[in-house]
């Protein structure tokens, strides 16, 4: 196939990589429906993908990864910056020269007898000032078909790039899927990502965490914007106005559910709606009016399948009904559809489990789907996708929300005193481990801004970047910063808040605070709602006034223990911003 561009930096880089990996042929991905159809057919002919029931699941396919290759591998993920200090204490570091030498030795000749696919893709709407362009080379049709869903792919991307050298270089080589030689390496100073010996989405869809967070966070630091692990939702109130919120949560805290929330019945009848702009990543820039604006750089959802059902997230489920690739779920042979744990109460009896073995879901103790099995679904399928999803200028952000799982410590919601206090609140974010994570239950895991595995440089410098962004904003126009905790428990260990759609009640208060419509009570940790301002209409049986007061209470003695944990965590950073040290001292003084 002809080269689709005359960009010298692109062509010389691709030629270097052709010399390295020695493909049998090179195919440029133009994003046309004809080419996508041909690739799907080819993947089905080799058994790489299985075509599902086209009446029930049009344009949907099933894929199984190798059994040793089912999740992101943080231990094999490296930031290859010139010095260890630039990568910081929370990242794995490798010297760039050593990393290139090692990776090229692994990748050498690995495409022999294989096709090299050249994927030009845009993170964000093509041509937007927010957007960035990448080129991924891969020997996997699965990667191509996922990238076509997750990003904007095709000839118009190369037109938008023109002769520019500002693009992210991505090389993916399946090699032998050898977990001992599996590496996912980011070179932030070189705008380069190299992934070898994996075929699993999170390690090989290089536009996702590798580019959109690790590389982009470093670009943002240098260029004065932010790449954040945040959903973006629009809350429409009865007056028809829509206010936008960015929110960051560690995994297993209901991030996708919040992004696609369905309001409680009473709210819905009154005209409340939630519109999903993005479920995972936000790129944030200052607009000409001095406010912060965000786009979702992605074009699809890469969601966890188990637990997704009609009750937990009907919008996510609806998103998967066409044009979706399912990975490592169970295959129902009776009707050629898919199934996973938590989808419904009727597991198929005549099925194949995620590893490819016969499976009777009615009798087997084994799981049909891998706990980290996935769906890759086009965002346009989502019933509540925002009309602003393609807006090249992004949406104006009223509030930034941080959250985590804390059984006793954090109240249902509290507001930071100001921007810098909000950065502090984000930097101390933590979740207590659940049974889902390996290891002990109830252990506090720090995950600042939910960026711990995804920050492409020293996290202390990342916090300073947040502080610098705030210093450039008019405090009147800056988003207000909040912390939420849907997971508070009573003394018997029961959750005190119903969660899911009822979380809208808290978002409603958050927007009221942003617009100065309600007062709040100042506590040692920030502002908490007056109980009367959280609307319990319709859930009075589940949450009594007394329980709400408990949900909003701040136990100073628990915060004394928390301070010790924060100090220990901050102790890892020799470049900790003075602003955060001062915020910690304020917290200590307040809880005395």
Protein backbone atom coordinates (compact mmCIF):
# COMPACT_ATOMS: atom_id res chain seq x y z
CA UNK A 1 0.00 0.00 0.00
CA UNK A 2 1.21 3.53 -0.78
CA UNK A 3 2.46 5.75 2.04
CA UNK A 4 -0.43 7.93 3.18
CA UNK A 5 1.78 10.90 4.08
CA UNK A 6 4.86 12.77 2.89
CA UNK A 7 5.80 13.79 6.47
CA UNK A 8 9.58 13.17 6.59
CA UNK A 9 9.75 12.56 10.35
CA UNK A 10 6.98 9.94 10.10
CA UNK A 11 8.44 8.13 7.07
CA UNK A 12 12.02 8.01 8.37
CA UNK A 13 10.87 6.66 11.75
CA UNK A 14 8.69 3.98 10.09
CA UNK A 15 11.55 2.96 7.78
CA UNK A 16 13.87 2.56 10.77
CA UNK A 17 11.32 0.30 12.45
CA UNK A 18 10.80 -1.73 9.24
CA UNK A 19 14.56 -2.38 9.20
CA UNK A 20 14.38 -3.45 12.85
CA UNK A 21 11.36 -5.80 12.88
CA UNK A 22 11.38 -7.00 9.22
CA UNK A 23 7.66 -7.29 8.37
CA UNK A 24 6.55 -9.30 5.35
CA UNK A 25 4.32 -6.40 4.28
CA UNK A 26 3.19 -2.96 5.47
CA UNK A 27 -0.47 -1.86 5.58
CA UNK A 28 -1.52 1.72 6.34
CA UNK A 29 -4.84 1.99 8.21
CA UNK A 30 -7.06 4.52 6.44
CA UNK A 31 -10.10 4.11 8.72
CA UNK A 32 -12.47 3.18 5.88
CA UNK A 33 -15.32 0.76 6.51
CA UNK A 34 -14.10 -1.48 3.64
CA UNK A 35 -10.67 -1.91 5.21
CA UNK A 36 -12.11 -2.52 8.70
CA UNK A 37 -14.46 -5.21 7.31
CA UNK A 38 -11.57 -6.92 5.52
CA UNK A 39 -9.47 -6.94 8.70
CA UNK A 40 -12.36 -8.36 10.73
CA UNK A 41 -12.79 -11.15 8.18
CA UNK A 42 -9.08 -11.91 8.24
CA UNK A 43 -9.02 -12.04 12.05
CA UNK A 44 -11.96 -14.46 12.03
CA UNK A 45 -10.29 -16.68 9.42
CA UNK A 46 -7.21 -17.12 11.63
CA UNK A 47 -9.25 -17.62 14.81
CA UNK A 48 -7.94 -14.40 16.36
CA UNK A 49 -11.54 -13.21 16.64
CA UNK A 50 -14.94 -14.88 16.69
CA UNK A 51 -17.86 -13.24 14.91
CA UNK A 52 -20.87 -13.10 17.24
CA UNK A 53 -24.62 -13.28 16.51
CA UNK A 54 -25.06 -10.42 14.04
CA UNK A 55 -28.80 -10.07 14.68
CA UNK A 56 -28.42 -9.73 18.46
CA UNK A 57 -24.94 -8.12 18.47
CA UNK A 58 -24.29 -6.48 15.07
CA UNK A 59 -20.61 -5.92 14.25
CA UNK A 60 -19.57 -7.49 17.58
CA UNK A 61 -16.65 -9.88 18.03
CA UNK A 62 -15.02 -11.98 20.74
CA UNK A 63 -11.27 -12.23 21.38
CA UNK A 64 -9.25 -14.25 23.88
CA UNK A 65 -5.80 -13.16 25.03
CA UNK A 66 -3.08 -15.53 26.17
CA UNK A 67 -3.73 -16.81 29.70
CA UNK A 68 -0.54 -15.09 30.92
CA UNK A 69 -1.60 -11.74 29.44
CA UNK A 70 -4.84 -10.49 30.97
CA UNK A 71 -4.14 -7.12 32.64
CA UNK A 72 -1.89 -4.06 32.79
CA UNK A 73 1.47 -5.01 34.29
CA UNK A 74 2.62 -2.16 36.53
CA UNK A 75 5.77 -4.02 37.51
CA UNK A 76 6.84 -4.20 33.82
CA UNK A 77 5.89 -0.59 33.02
CA UNK A 78 8.75 1.93 32.95
CA UNK A 79 9.28 5.65 32.63
CA UNK A 80 12.54 6.00 30.72
CA UNK A 81 13.55 9.56 31.60
CA UNK A 82 17.20 10.74 31.53
CA UNK A 83 17.49 10.51 35.34
CA UNK A 84 15.78 8.43 37.98
CA UNK A 85 14.82 11.63 39.79
CA UNK A 86 12.79 12.83 36.78
CA UNK A 87 10.73 9.61 36.88
CA UNK A 88 10.27 10.05 40.64
CA UNK A 89 9.82 7.58 43.50
CA UNK A 90 6.43 6.20 42.39
CA UNK A 91 7.50 5.07 38.89
CA UNK A 92 9.73 2.23 37.71
CA UNK A 93 12.71 3.85 35.97
CA UNK A 94 15.10 2.66 33.30
CA UNK A 95 17.94 4.56 31.63
CA UNK A 96 16.70 5.45 28.10
CA UNK A 97 19.83 4.23 26.28
CA UNK A 98 19.74 0.89 28.13
CA UNK A 99 15.97 0.58 27.56
CA UNK A 100 16.21 1.17 23.80
CA UNK A 101 19.04 -1.36 23.50
CA UNK A 102 17.10 -4.00 25.44
CA UNK A 103 13.77 -3.36 23.66
CA UNK A 104 15.31 -3.33 20.17
CA UNK A 105 17.05 -6.64 20.92
CA UNK A 106 13.67 -8.14 21.89
CA UNK A 107 11.83 -6.59 18.92
CA UNK A 108 14.50 -7.44 16.29
CA UNK A 109 13.05 -9.50 13.39
CA UNK A 110 9.84 -10.09 15.41
CA UNK A 111 7.57 -9.18 12.45
CA UNK A 112 9.10 -11.82 10.13
CA UNK A 113 6.21 -13.45 8.27
CA UNK A 114 3.84 -10.89 9.81
CA UNK A 115 2.17 -7.69 8.62
CA UNK A 116 3.07 -4.26 10.01
CA UNK A 117 -0.05 -2.12 10.43
CA UNK A 118 0.55 1.63 10.52
CA UNK A 119 -2.19 3.34 12.56
CA UNK A 120 -2.34 7.16 12.36
CA UNK A 121 -4.63 8.29 15.17
CA UNK A 122 -5.81 11.44 16.91
CA UNK A 123 -6.42 11.70 20.63
CA UNK A 124 -9.31 14.15 20.71
CA UNK A 125 -11.37 15.50 17.77
CA UNK A 126 -9.21 15.78 14.64
CA UNK A 127 -7.84 19.32 14.33
CA UNK A 128 -8.82 20.52 17.84
CA UNK A 129 -6.23 22.63 19.66
CA UNK A 130 -6.61 20.16 22.54
CA UNK A 131 -5.79 17.16 20.35
CA UNK A 132 -2.53 15.28 19.81
CA UNK A 133 -1.58 12.83 17.08
CA UNK A 134 0.12 9.47 17.39
CA UNK A 135 1.27 6.71 15.06
CA UNK A 136 1.22 3.15 16.34
CA UNK A 137 2.96 0.31 14.53
CA UNK A 138 1.56 -3.11 15.45
CA UNK A 139 1.53 -6.70 14.20
CA UNK A 140 -1.92 -7.34 15.72
CA UNK A 141 -5.24 -6.96 13.90
CA UNK A 142 -6.87 -7.01 17.36
CA UNK A 143 -4.93 -3.84 18.22
CA UNK A 144 -5.92 -2.18 14.93
CA UNK A 145 -9.63 -2.90 15.43
CA UNK A 146 -9.54 -1.72 19.05
CA UNK A 147 -7.67 1.49 18.15
CA UNK A 148 -10.29 2.21 15.46
CA UNK A 149 -12.92 2.16 18.25
CA UNK A 150 -10.88 3.91 20.96
CA UNK A 151 -9.34 6.73 18.87
CA UNK A 152 -9.99 8.68 15.66
CA UNK A 153 -8.10 6.84 12.92
CA UNK A 154 -7.48 7.56 9.24
CA UNK A 155 -6.24 9.79 6.45
CA UNK A 156 -7.70 13.01 7.92
CA UNK A 157 -5.37 12.54 10.93
CA UNK A 158 -2.31 12.67 8.66
CA UNK A 159 -3.74 15.72 6.87
CA UNK A 160 -4.10 17.46 10.23
CA UNK A 161 -0.51 16.49 11.14
CA UNK A 162 0.94 17.88 7.89
CA UNK A 163 4.73 18.22 8.15
CA UNK A 164 4.77 18.63 11.94
CA UNK A 165 7.17 16.59 14.09
CA UNK A 166 4.84 16.89 17.09
CA UNK A 167 3.46 13.34 17.18
CA UNK A 168 3.85 10.37 19.47
CA UNK A 169 5.77 7.35 18.21
CA UNK A 170 4.39 3.98 19.26
CA UNK A 171 5.86 0.55 18.50
CA UNK A 172 4.02 -2.61 19.57
CA UNK A 173 5.44 -6.08 18.97
CA UNK A 174 3.53 -9.18 20.08
CA UNK A 175 6.78 -11.21 19.92
CA UNK A 176 6.12 -14.45 21.86
CA UNK A 177 3.79 -13.01 24.55
CA UNK A 178 6.60 -13.96 26.97
CA UNK A 179 5.81 -12.48 30.39
CA UNK A 180 9.50 -12.58 31.39
CA UNK A 181 10.32 -10.29 28.46
CA UNK A 182 7.18 -8.14 28.62
CA UNK A 183 7.92 -4.40 28.84
CA UNK A 184 5.78 -1.30 28.41
CA UNK A 185 8.19 1.63 28.22
CA UNK A 186 7.43 5.32 27.93
CA UNK A 187 10.13 7.81 26.87
CA UNK A 188 8.49 11.16 27.74
CA UNK A 189 11.39 13.29 26.45
CA UNK A 190 11.24 11.47 23.08
CA UNK A 191 7.43 11.27 22.67
CA UNK A 192 7.94 7.52 22.30
CA UNK A 193 6.22 4.35 23.59
CA UNK A 194 7.47 0.79 23.05
CA UNK A 195 5.46 -2.27 24.12
CA UNK A 196 6.74 -5.82 23.64
CA UNK A 197 5.46 -9.33 24.45
CA UNK A 198 1.85 -8.42 25.27
CA UNK A 199 -1.44 -8.57 23.39
CA UNK A 200 -3.66 -7.23 26.21
CA UNK A 201 -5.45 -3.91 25.61
CA UNK A 202 -4.06 -1.84 28.48
CA UNK A 203 -0.49 -2.70 27.42
CA UNK A 204 -0.89 -2.47 23.65
CA UNK A 205 -3.57 0.14 22.81
CA UNK A 206 -0.86 2.75 23.05
CA UNK A 207 -3.23 5.71 22.74
CA UNK A 208 -4.84 4.87 26.07
CA UNK A 209 -2.91 5.06 29.37
CA UNK A 210 0.54 5.11 27.68
CA UNK A 211 -0.07 8.20 25.54
CA UNK A 212 -3.21 9.87 26.95
CA UNK A 213 -1.84 9.87 30.52
CA UNK A 214 1.86 8.99 30.85
CA UNK A 215 3.19 10.86 27.81
CA UNK A 216 0.46 13.53 27.81
CA UNK A 217 0.92 14.39 31.50
CA UNK A 218 4.56 15.24 30.70
CA UNK A 219 3.55 17.19 27.56
CA UNK A 220 0.99 19.05 29.67
CA UNK A 221 3.58 20.02 32.26
CA UNK A 222 5.80 21.51 29.54
CA UNK A 223 2.95 23.13 27.59
CA UNK A 224 0.80 24.45 30.45
CA UNK A 225 -2.18 22.02 30.37
CA UNK A 226 -3.24 18.86 32.22
CA UNK A 227 -3.81 15.22 31.32
CA UNK A 228 -5.87 13.63 34.09
CA UNK A 229 -7.37 10.23 34.92
CA UNK A 230 -10.85 11.74 35.18
CA UNK A 231 -14.34 11.18 33.86
CA UNK A 232 -16.26 14.18 32.52
CA UNK A 233 -20.02 14.44 33.03
CA UNK A 234 -22.59 17.12 32.37
CA UNK A 235 -25.29 17.62 35.01
CA UNK A 236 -28.44 19.11 33.50
CA UNK A 237 -30.70 20.77 36.03
CA UNK A 238 -34.43 21.56 35.62
CA UNK A 239 -33.57 25.02 34.20
CA UNK A 240 -31.97 23.23 31.21
CA UNK A 241 -28.47 24.55 31.98
CA UNK A 242 -25.69 21.94 31.98
CA UNK A 243 -22.74 22.19 34.39
CA UNK A 244 -19.67 19.99 33.88
CA UNK A 245 -17.73 18.03 36.47
CA UNK A 246 -14.39 16.19 36.20
CA UNK A 247 -13.91 13.36 38.71
CA UNK A 248 -11.01 11.07 39.63
CA UNK A 249 -11.38 7.75 41.46
CA UNK A 250 -9.06 4.78 42.01
CA UNK A 251 -10.27 1.53 40.42
CA UNK A 252 -13.31 -0.25 41.94
CA UNK A 253 -14.91 3.03 43.06
CA UNK A 254 -17.67 3.24 40.43
CA UNK A 255 -16.10 5.73 38.02
CA UNK A 256 -17.83 4.47 34.86
CA UNK A 257 -21.12 4.15 36.76
CA UNK A 258 -20.89 7.81 37.80
CA UNK A 259 -19.98 8.95 34.28
CA UNK A 260 -23.16 7.31 32.92
CA UNK A 261 -25.42 7.82 35.93
CA UNK A 262 -29.20 7.68 35.61
CA UNK A 263 -30.87 10.16 38.00
CA UNK A 264 -33.27 8.86 40.69
CA UNK A 265 -36.91 8.83 39.59
CA UNK A 266 -37.95 12.04 41.37
CA UNK A 267 -34.98 13.94 39.95
CA UNK A 268 -35.56 12.50 36.47
CA UNK A 269 -39.21 13.62 36.49
CA UNK A 270 -38.08 17.12 37.43
CA UNK A 271 -35.82 17.30 34.38
CA UNK A 272 -32.43 16.27 35.77
CA UNK A 273 -30.16 14.47 33.28
CA UNK A 274 -26.54 13.31 33.30
CA UNK A 275 -24.60 13.46 30.01
CA UNK A 276 -21.38 11.48 29.58
CA UNK A 277 -18.50 13.32 27.93
CA UNK A 278 -15.92 10.75 29.02
CA UNK A 279 -15.53 7.83 31.44
CA UNK A 280 -11.76 7.73 31.97
CA UNK A 281 -9.47 10.52 30.76
CA UNK A 282 -9.65 14.34 30.65
CA UNK A 283 -7.35 16.75 28.89
CA UNK A 284 -7.80 20.17 30.49
CA UNK A 285 -6.77 23.62 29.21
CA UNK A 286 -7.47 27.23 30.08
CA UNK A 287 -9.93 28.82 27.66
CA UNK A 288 -9.91 32.37 26.34
CA UNK A 289 -12.48 33.34 28.98
CA UNK A 290 -10.12 32.25 31.79
CA UNK A 291 -12.10 29.13 32.73
CA UNK A 292 -10.76 25.58 32.52
CA UNK A 293 -12.12 23.46 29.66
CA UNK A 294 -11.88 19.68 29.25
CA UNK A 295 -12.10 17.20 26.39
CA UNK A 296 -12.21 13.42 26.45
CA UNK A 297 -9.29 12.47 24.17
CA UNK A 298 -10.76 9.01 23.57
CA UNK A 299 -13.42 7.88 21.10
CA UNK A 300 -14.65 4.74 22.90
CA UNK A 301 -14.95 2.93 26.23
CA UNK A 302 -12.56 0.19 27.35
CA UNK A 303 -14.72 -1.07 30.20
CA UNK A 304 -14.56 -3.92 32.69
CA UNK A 305 -17.32 -6.40 31.77
CA UNK A 306 -17.95 -8.33 35.05
CA UNK A 307 -20.51 -6.55 37.20
CA UNK A 308 -21.85 -4.50 34.27
CA UNK A 309 -25.61 -5.15 34.07
CA UNK A 310 -29.03 -3.55 33.66
CA UNK A 311 -29.03 -2.35 37.28
CA UNK A 312 -25.42 -1.27 37.85
CA UNK A 313 -24.94 0.52 34.53
CA UNK A 314 -27.64 0.22 31.85
CA UNK A 315 -25.95 2.88 29.70
CA UNK A 316 -22.63 1.01 29.61
CA UNK A 317 -24.45 -2.21 28.76
CA UNK A 318 -26.36 -0.48 25.96
CA UNK A 319 -23.03 0.83 24.60
CA UNK A 320 -21.87 -2.76 23.99
CA UNK A 321 -24.78 -3.85 21.77
CA UNK A 322 -23.12 -3.03 18.44
CA UNK A 323 -19.64 -2.51 17.02
CA UNK A 324 -18.04 -3.88 20.19
CA UNK A 325 -15.06 -6.16 20.79
CA UNK A 326 -15.39 -8.38 23.87
CA UNK A 327 -12.18 -9.71 25.40
CA UNK A 328 -11.87 -12.72 27.74
CA UNK A 329 -15.60 -13.13 28.45
CA UNK A 330 -17.60 -16.38 28.21
CA UNK A 331 -19.00 -17.43 24.82
CA UNK A 332 -22.59 -18.71 24.87
CA UNK A 333 -22.70 -21.35 22.12
CA UNK A 334 -26.50 -21.70 22.10
CA UNK A 335 -27.10 -18.24 20.65
CA UNK A 336 -23.51 -17.15 19.80
CA UNK A 337 -23.55 -14.27 22.31
CA UNK A 338 -21.39 -13.41 25.33
CA UNK A 339 -21.83 -13.67 29.09
CA UNK A 340 -19.93 -12.58 32.19
CA UNK A 341 -20.32 -12.77 35.95
CA UNK A 342 -22.87 -10.24 37.16
CA UNK A 343 -24.54 -9.82 33.75
CA UNK A 344 -27.62 -11.75 34.90
CA UNK A 345 -28.59 -14.73 37.03
CA UNK A 346 -28.64 -17.24 34.11
CA UNK A 347 -25.14 -18.37 33.16
CA UNK A 348 -25.19 -20.44 29.94
CA UNK A 349 -24.84 -24.21 30.29
CA UNK A 350 -23.43 -24.74 26.81
CA UNK A 351 -20.53 -22.30 26.66
CA UNK A 352 -16.79 -21.75 26.34
CA UNK A 353 -15.00 -19.96 29.20
CA UNK A 354 -12.45 -17.18 28.69
CA UNK A 355 -9.48 -19.56 28.33
CA UNK A 356 -11.23 -21.42 25.50
CA UNK A 357 -12.38 -24.54 27.40
CA UNK A 358 -15.94 -25.99 27.41
CA UNK A 359 -17.91 -24.51 30.32
CA UNK A 360 -21.23 -25.21 31.99
CA UNK A 361 -22.09 -22.05 33.88
CA UNK A 362 -24.96 -23.77 35.70
CA UNK A 363 -22.61 -26.27 37.38
CA UNK A 364 -19.02 -25.03 37.19
CA UNK A 365 -17.19 -23.50 40.17
CA UNK A 366 -14.83 -21.79 37.72
CA UNK A 367 -15.57 -18.29 36.39
CA UNK A 368 -16.75 -17.99 32.80
CA UNK A 369 -15.19 -14.54 32.26
CA UNK A 370 -11.85 -13.30 33.56
CA UNK A 371 -12.37 -10.74 36.40
CA UNK A 372 -10.59 -8.14 34.21
CA UNK A 373 -12.42 -9.11 31.00
CA UNK A 374 -13.28 -6.12 28.82
CA UNK A 375 -15.51 -4.55 26.23
CA UNK A 376 -14.26 -2.00 23.70
CA UNK A 377 -17.34 -0.03 22.65
CA UNK A 378 -17.82 3.11 20.51
CA UNK A 379 -18.74 6.12 22.67
CA UNK A 380 -21.45 7.12 20.19
CA UNK A 381 -23.38 3.98 21.24
CA UNK A 382 -23.91 5.36 24.75
CA UNK A 383 -27.55 6.49 25.24
CA UNK A 384 -26.40 9.39 27.44
CA UNK A 385 -23.42 10.53 25.34
CA UNK A 386 -23.10 14.30 25.55
CA UNK A 387 -23.94 16.50 22.55
CA UNK A 388 -20.60 18.21 23.37
CA UNK A 389 -18.61 14.95 22.96
CA UNK A 390 -17.05 16.14 19.66
CA UNK A 391 -16.77 19.81 20.65
CA UNK A 392 -13.17 20.76 19.70
CA UNK A 393 -13.18 23.51 22.37
CA UNK A 394 -14.15 21.16 25.20
CA UNK A 395 -16.62 21.86 27.99
CA UNK A 396 -16.22 24.41 30.84
CA UNK A 397 -15.50 22.75 34.18
CA UNK A 398 -17.41 23.91 37.28
CA UNK A 399 -16.11 21.31 39.76
CA UNK A 400 -13.31 18.79 40.21
CA UNK A 401 -14.15 15.78 42.39
CA UNK A 402 -11.78 13.33 44.05
CA UNK A 403 -12.92 10.16 45.80
CA UNK A 404 -12.00 6.83 47.28
CA UNK A 405 -13.22 3.98 49.46
CA UNK A 406 -12.98 4.90 53.16
CA UNK A 407 -15.09 2.97 55.67
CA UNK A 408 -14.93 5.57 58.46
CA UNK A 409 -12.60 8.46 57.67
CA UNK A 410 -14.00 10.67 54.94
CA UNK A 411 -17.52 12.16 55.05
CA UNK A 412 -19.94 11.66 52.18
CA UNK A 413 -18.71 14.90 50.62
CA UNK A 414 -16.55 17.86 51.59
CA UNK A 415 -15.25 20.90 49.75
CA UNK A 416 -11.69 22.20 49.86
CA UNK A 417 -11.12 25.71 51.22
CA UNK A 418 -9.41 26.86 48.00
CA UNK A 419 -7.47 25.55 44.99
CA UNK A 420 -4.23 24.68 46.82
CA UNK A 421 -6.12 22.93 49.60
CA UNK A 422 -7.91 21.03 46.82
CA UNK A 423 -4.55 19.93 45.38
CA UNK A 424 -3.67 18.68 48.87
CA UNK A 425 -6.97 16.76 49.05
CA UNK A 426 -6.19 15.15 45.69
CA UNK A 427 -2.61 14.33 46.68
CA UNK A 428 -3.71 12.38 49.80
CA UNK A 429 -6.43 10.42 47.94
CA UNK A 430 -6.60 6.83 49.07
CA UNK A 431 -8.77 3.75 49.00
CA UNK A 432 -9.03 0.88 51.43
CA UNK A 433 -8.47 -2.44 49.68
CA UNK A 434 -11.50 -4.61 49.03
CA UNK A 435 -11.65 -8.37 48.65
CA UNK A 436 -11.23 -7.87 44.90
CA UNK A 437 -7.62 -6.77 45.30
CA UNK A 438 -5.02 -9.33 46.21
CA UNK A 439 -3.67 -9.04 49.77
CA UNK A 440 -5.22 -7.89 53.01
CA UNK A 441 -8.59 -6.14 53.16
CA UNK A 442 -8.85 -2.61 54.58
CA UNK A 443 -5.26 -1.59 53.84
CA UNK A 444 -4.99 2.09 52.87
CA UNK A 445 -3.53 2.51 49.39
CA UNK A 446 -2.56 6.03 48.36
CA UNK A 447 -3.42 6.90 44.77
CA UNK A 448 -3.01 10.67 44.33
CA UNK A 449 -5.51 12.05 41.81
CA UNK A 450 -5.91 8.35 40.75
CA UNK A 451 -2.68 8.96 38.78
CA UNK A 452 -0.20 6.78 40.70
CA UNK A 453 0.32 4.25 37.85
CA UNK A 454 -0.11 6.85 35.11
CA UNK A 455 1.96 9.94 35.91
CA UNK A 456 4.74 10.22 33.32
CA UNK A 457 7.18 12.11 35.55
CA UNK A 458 8.03 12.86 39.20
CA UNK A 459 4.75 13.03 41.13
CA UNK A 460 6.01 15.87 43.33
CA UNK A 461 6.57 17.94 40.16
CA UNK A 462 3.10 16.88 38.99
CA UNK A 463 1.61 18.31 42.20
CA UNK A 464 3.61 21.51 41.68
CA UNK A 465 2.17 21.68 38.14
CA UNK A 466 -1.35 21.55 39.64
CA UNK A 467 -0.38 24.40 41.99
CA UNK A 468 1.03 26.40 39.04
CA UNK A 469 -2.18 25.87 37.02
CA UNK A 470 -4.21 27.23 39.95
CA UNK A 471 -1.94 30.26 40.29
CA UNK A 472 -2.79 31.18 36.70
CA UNK A 473 -6.56 31.11 37.31
CA UNK A 474 -8.89 33.81 38.57
CA UNK A 475 -10.24 32.26 41.82
CA UNK A 476 -13.75 33.28 40.74
CA UNK A 477 -13.44 31.20 37.55
CA UNK A 478 -11.42 28.25 38.86
CA UNK A 479 -13.34 24.99 39.40
CA UNK A 480 -14.18 24.29 43.04
CA UNK A 481 -12.58 21.08 44.36
CA UNK A 482 -14.44 18.41 46.35
CA UNK A 483 -13.89 14.96 47.85
CA UNK A 484 -16.60 12.28 47.95
CA UNK A 485 -16.86 8.93 49.71
CA UNK A 486 -19.76 6.71 48.61
CA UNK A 487 -18.42 3.88 50.79
CA UNK A 488 -18.81 5.01 54.41
CA UNK A 489 -19.86 2.16 56.72
CA UNK A 490 -21.71 1.97 60.02
CA UNK A 491 -20.43 0.08 63.07
CA UNK A 492 -21.98 -3.16 61.77
CA UNK A 493 -20.04 -2.84 58.51
CA UNK A 494 -23.02 -1.90 56.31
CA UNK A 495 -22.76 0.80 53.65
CA UNK A 496 -24.61 3.91 54.86
CA UNK A 497 -25.20 5.52 51.45
CA UNK A 498 -27.18 3.82 48.63
CA UNK A 499 -24.79 4.98 45.91
CA UNK A 500 -25.33 4.48 42.14
CA UNK A 501 -28.03 6.88 40.84
CA UNK A 502 -28.46 8.45 44.29
CA UNK A 503 -24.96 9.91 44.01
CA UNK A 504 -26.69 12.58 41.92
CA UNK A 505 -27.97 14.04 45.21
CA UNK A 506 -24.36 14.86 46.12
CA UNK A 507 -23.48 16.19 42.65
CA UNK A 508 -26.52 18.45 42.92
CA UNK A 509 -25.16 19.92 46.18
CA UNK A 510 -21.70 20.28 44.62
CA UNK A 511 -23.08 22.41 41.77
CA UNK A 512 -25.17 24.45 44.24
CA UNK A 513 -21.94 25.17 46.15
CA UNK A 514 -20.14 26.17 42.95
CA UNK A 515 -22.94 28.63 42.24
CA UNK A 516 -23.06 30.01 45.79
CA UNK A 517 -26.63 28.81 46.38
CA UNK A 518 -26.05 26.97 49.68
CA UNK A 519 -24.03 27.57 52.83
CA UNK A 520 -21.78 24.89 54.36
CA UNK A 521 -20.25 24.09 57.74
CA UNK A 522 -16.51 24.59 58.12
CA UNK A 523 -14.70 21.63 59.72
CA UNK A 524 -11.08 20.69 60.34
CA UNK A 525 -10.82 19.18 56.84
CA UNK A 526 -12.95 21.57 54.75
CA UNK A 527 -16.59 22.48 54.16
CA UNK A 528 -19.31 19.84 54.67
CA UNK A 529 -22.97 20.23 53.70
CA UNK A 530 -25.67 21.26 56.12
CA UNK A 531 -27.75 18.08 56.41
CA UNK A 532 -30.89 19.91 55.25
CA UNK A 533 -29.21 20.70 51.90
CA UNK A 534 -28.82 17.04 50.86
CA UNK A 535 -32.15 16.01 49.33
CA UNK A 536 -33.26 12.61 50.72
CA UNK A 537 -36.65 12.62 49.00
CA UNK A 538 -37.42 9.04 47.96
CA UNK A 539 -34.69 7.41 50.08
CA UNK A 540 -35.93 8.35 53.56
CA UNK A 541 -36.35 4.61 54.30
CA UNK A 542 -32.70 3.95 53.44
CA UNK A 543 -31.06 7.04 54.95
CA UNK A 544 -32.53 8.59 58.10
CA UNK A 545 -31.70 12.14 59.21
CA UNK A 546 -29.52 10.64 61.95
CA UNK A 547 -27.63 8.51 59.42
CA UNK A 548 -27.12 11.51 57.16
CA UNK A 549 -25.63 13.47 60.07
CA UNK A 550 -23.31 10.50 60.71
CA UNK A 551 -22.40 10.36 56.99
CA UNK A 552 -21.41 14.04 57.12
CA UNK A 553 -19.51 13.83 60.41
CA UNK A 554 -15.75 14.28 60.74
CA UNK A 555 -14.05 12.18 63.43
CA UNK A 556 -10.94 14.16 64.42
CA UNK A 557 -9.33 11.20 66.19
CA UNK A 558 -9.36 9.17 62.94
CA UNK A 559 -7.79 12.09 61.09
CA UNK A 560 -4.90 12.05 63.59
CA UNK A 561 -4.07 8.52 62.38
CA UNK A 562 -4.54 9.65 58.79
CA UNK A 563 -1.98 12.44 59.25
CA UNK A 564 0.64 9.84 60.17
CA UNK A 565 -0.16 7.97 56.94
CA UNK A 566 0.09 11.18 54.89
CA UNK A 567 3.45 12.06 56.47
CA UNK A 568 4.79 8.61 55.68
CA UNK A 569 3.63 8.89 52.06
CA UNK A 570 4.95 12.44 51.63
CA UNK A 571 8.26 11.22 53.06
CA UNK A 572 8.95 9.45 49.75
CA UNK A 573 9.21 12.77 47.91
CA UNK A 574 12.32 14.90 48.36
CA UNK A 575 10.80 17.54 46.02
CA UNK A 576 7.49 17.86 47.87
CA UNK A 577 6.01 21.32 47.11
CA UNK A 578 6.20 23.72 50.05
CA UNK A 579 2.50 24.49 49.46
CA UNK A 580 1.56 20.89 50.31
CA UNK A 581 3.80 20.86 53.40
CA UNK A 582 1.97 23.98 54.57
CA UNK A 583 -1.45 22.37 53.88
CA UNK A 584 -0.45 19.36 55.96
CA UNK A 585 0.61 21.64 58.84
CA UNK A 586 -2.77 23.39 58.61
CA UNK A 587 -4.58 20.04 58.83
CA UNK A 588 -2.49 19.08 61.88
CA UNK A 589 -3.30 22.36 63.61
CA UNK A 590 -7.01 22.00 62.77
CA UNK A 591 -7.35 18.51 64.24
CA UNK A 592 -5.62 19.48 67.48
